[in-house]
Protein backbone atom coordinates (compact mmCIF):
# COMPACT_ATOMS: atom_id res chain seq x y z
CA MET A 1 -21.02 -1.48 28.87
CA TRP A 2 -17.91 -0.18 26.97
CA ARG A 3 -19.83 -0.69 23.41
CA ALA A 4 -22.71 1.80 24.69
CA THR A 5 -20.10 4.19 25.88
CA LEU A 6 -18.35 4.03 22.54
CA LEU A 7 -21.40 4.66 20.72
CA VAL A 8 -22.14 7.77 22.40
CA LEU A 9 -18.55 9.18 22.13
CA LEU A 10 -18.79 8.28 18.47
CA ALA A 11 -22.38 9.96 18.32
CA GLY A 12 -21.35 13.33 19.58
CA GLN A 13 -19.04 14.02 16.38
CA ALA A 14 -19.96 15.36 13.35
CA ALA A 15 -21.99 12.48 10.96
CA ALA A 16 -19.78 11.41 8.15
CA ASP A 17 -19.44 8.35 6.18
CA THR A 18 -16.98 6.36 7.14
CA MET A 19 -15.29 3.25 4.80
CA ILE A 20 -15.82 -0.14 5.81
CA ALA A 21 -14.83 -3.51 4.20
CA ALA A 22 -17.93 -5.09 3.15
CA HIS A 23 -16.34 -8.71 3.34
CA THR A 24 -13.07 -10.16 4.84
CA LEU A 25 -10.36 -9.37 2.15
CA ARG A 26 -7.30 -11.02 2.35
CA ALA A 27 -3.79 -9.04 2.49
CA GLN A 28 -2.16 -8.21 -1.08
CA SER A 29 -5.84 -7.81 -2.65
CA VAL A 30 -6.68 -5.51 -4.60
CA ILE A 31 -9.76 -3.51 -3.21
CA GLY A 32 -12.95 -2.84 -5.70
CA ALA A 33 -16.05 -0.98 -5.44
CA GLU A 34 -17.51 -4.22 -4.59
CA ASP A 35 -15.62 -4.72 -1.53
CA LEU A 36 -16.48 -1.60 0.41
CA SER A 37 -19.44 -0.59 2.43
CA SER A 38 -20.26 2.44 4.66
CA ILE A 39 -21.50 3.51 8.35
CA ALA A 40 -22.74 6.70 9.09
CA ILE A 41 -20.55 7.35 11.98
CA ALA A 42 -17.33 9.26 11.81
CA VAL A 43 -14.11 7.18 13.16
CA PRO A 44 -11.38 9.41 13.68
CA GLY A 45 -8.49 8.52 11.19
CA ALA A 46 -10.90 6.12 8.94
CA LEU A 47 -11.33 6.90 5.21
CA THR A 48 -14.25 8.71 4.15
CA ASP A 49 -14.36 8.48 0.22
CA PRO A 50 -14.59 5.00 -1.48
CA ALA A 51 -11.99 6.76 -4.52
CA GLU A 52 -9.28 6.45 -1.54
CA ALA A 53 -9.47 2.94 -1.14
CA ILE A 54 -10.69 1.76 -5.06
CA GLY A 55 -7.78 0.21 -6.55
CA ARG A 56 -5.37 0.12 -3.59
CA GLU A 57 -3.87 -3.05 -2.14
CA ALA A 58 -4.83 -4.23 1.08
CA ARG A 59 -1.52 -4.57 3.79
CA VAL A 60 -3.73 -6.31 6.22
CA VAL A 61 -6.46 -8.35 6.35
CA LEU A 62 -9.61 -6.36 6.14
CA TYR A 63 -12.11 -7.28 8.49
CA ALA A 64 -15.85 -7.58 7.23
CA GLY A 65 -17.49 -4.54 9.27
CA ARG A 66 -14.45 -2.67 10.53
CA PRO A 67 -13.35 0.57 9.51
CA ILE A 68 -10.21 1.28 6.87
CA GLN A 69 -7.73 2.60 8.00
CA PRO A 70 -4.93 4.95 5.86
CA GLY A 71 -2.20 2.54 7.21
CA ASP A 72 -3.88 -0.70 5.84
CA ILE A 73 -4.10 0.07 2.21
CA GLY A 74 -1.53 1.12 -0.36
CA PRO A 75 -0.35 0.95 -3.90
CA PRO A 76 -0.61 -2.45 -5.70
CA ALA A 77 2.60 -4.23 -5.35
CA LEU A 78 4.39 -4.19 -9.23
CA VAL A 79 7.33 -6.45 -7.68
CA ASP A 80 7.29 -9.56 -5.67
CA ARG A 81 9.82 -10.99 -3.04
CA ASN A 82 12.72 -12.90 -4.92
CA GLN A 83 11.42 -11.16 -8.46
CA LEU A 84 14.28 -10.49 -11.00
CA VAL A 85 14.17 -6.61 -11.46
CA SER A 86 16.27 -3.99 -13.57
CA LEU A 87 18.03 -1.87 -11.60
CA ILE A 88 18.80 1.43 -12.50
CA PHE A 89 21.43 3.71 -11.15
CA HIS A 90 21.37 7.13 -12.38
CA SER A 91 24.22 9.96 -11.32
CA GLY A 92 24.61 13.27 -13.42
CA GLU A 93 25.34 11.72 -17.19
CA LEU A 94 26.23 8.00 -16.16
CA ASN A 95 23.45 5.72 -16.59
CA ILE A 96 24.08 1.71 -15.14
CA LEU A 97 21.50 -0.92 -15.57
CA ALA A 98 21.86 -4.21 -14.28
CA GLU A 99 19.84 -7.07 -13.04
CA GLY A 100 18.62 -7.89 -9.49
CA ARG A 101 16.58 -9.92 -7.27
CA ALA A 102 13.51 -7.72 -5.13
CA LEU A 103 14.23 -8.55 -1.48
CA ALA A 104 10.42 -7.75 -0.63
CA ARG A 105 7.47 -6.56 -2.39
CA GLY A 106 6.44 -3.19 -3.22
CA GLY A 107 4.44 -1.06 -5.33
CA ALA A 108 5.26 2.30 -7.26
CA GLY A 109 7.05 5.07 -4.92
CA ASP A 110 7.98 2.15 -2.34
CA ALA A 111 11.36 1.88 -1.35
CA ILE A 112 12.92 -2.09 -1.06
CA ARG A 113 15.74 -3.64 -0.76
CA VAL A 114 17.23 -5.45 -4.15
CA MET A 115 20.17 -7.58 -4.84
CA ASN A 116 22.25 -7.37 -7.58
CA THR A 117 22.59 -10.66 -9.17
CA ALA A 118 25.99 -10.05 -10.26
CA SER A 119 27.76 -8.46 -7.57
CA HIS A 120 25.48 -10.04 -5.00
CA SER A 121 25.73 -6.45 -3.27
CA THR A 122 22.31 -5.31 -1.46
CA VAL A 123 21.15 -1.75 -2.10
CA THR A 124 17.82 -0.02 -1.12
CA GLY A 125 15.80 1.71 -4.23
CA VAL A 126 12.49 3.20 -5.04
CA VAL A 127 10.07 0.89 -7.32
CA ALA A 128 9.41 2.88 -10.61
CA PRO A 129 5.66 2.90 -12.38
CA ASP A 130 6.70 0.51 -14.88
CA GLY A 131 8.23 -2.00 -12.01
CA THR A 132 12.01 -1.14 -12.26
CA VAL A 133 14.11 -0.53 -9.54
CA VAL A 134 15.92 3.15 -9.25
CA VAL A 135 18.76 3.49 -6.95
CA GLY A 136 20.25 6.92 -6.74
CA GLY A 137 19.02 10.30 -7.88
CA ALA A 138 16.48 10.70 -10.68
CA PRO A 139 17.61 10.29 -14.76
């Protein structure tokens, strides 16, 4: 009964294609065109353009036939947990380069915690497109 009500509610909305997973995708999988399909029902908040999902990484398990929400995907991880990374600290003319161990996974633009291997202090930085972690201001 609830499915019929849901379909009636969704049918009343403007028809737009909604992106769904063509098959079940594990978390941390990079999404390709073959992983997507579409349905002719508008689902509020779901992705409508395949370009929004292709090349992104599944943050959660994406089940076959279910709509893909923007929070379910993100940039592909450049840094894995426990990976050694370069830490860069910028402050004015001062630039400090150190080695750190990532305490979380992260893609470009994600804020992650990193432990400085020399001092064992934990800092938070942003993953740069080259996989380094920038702490503090921009260069």
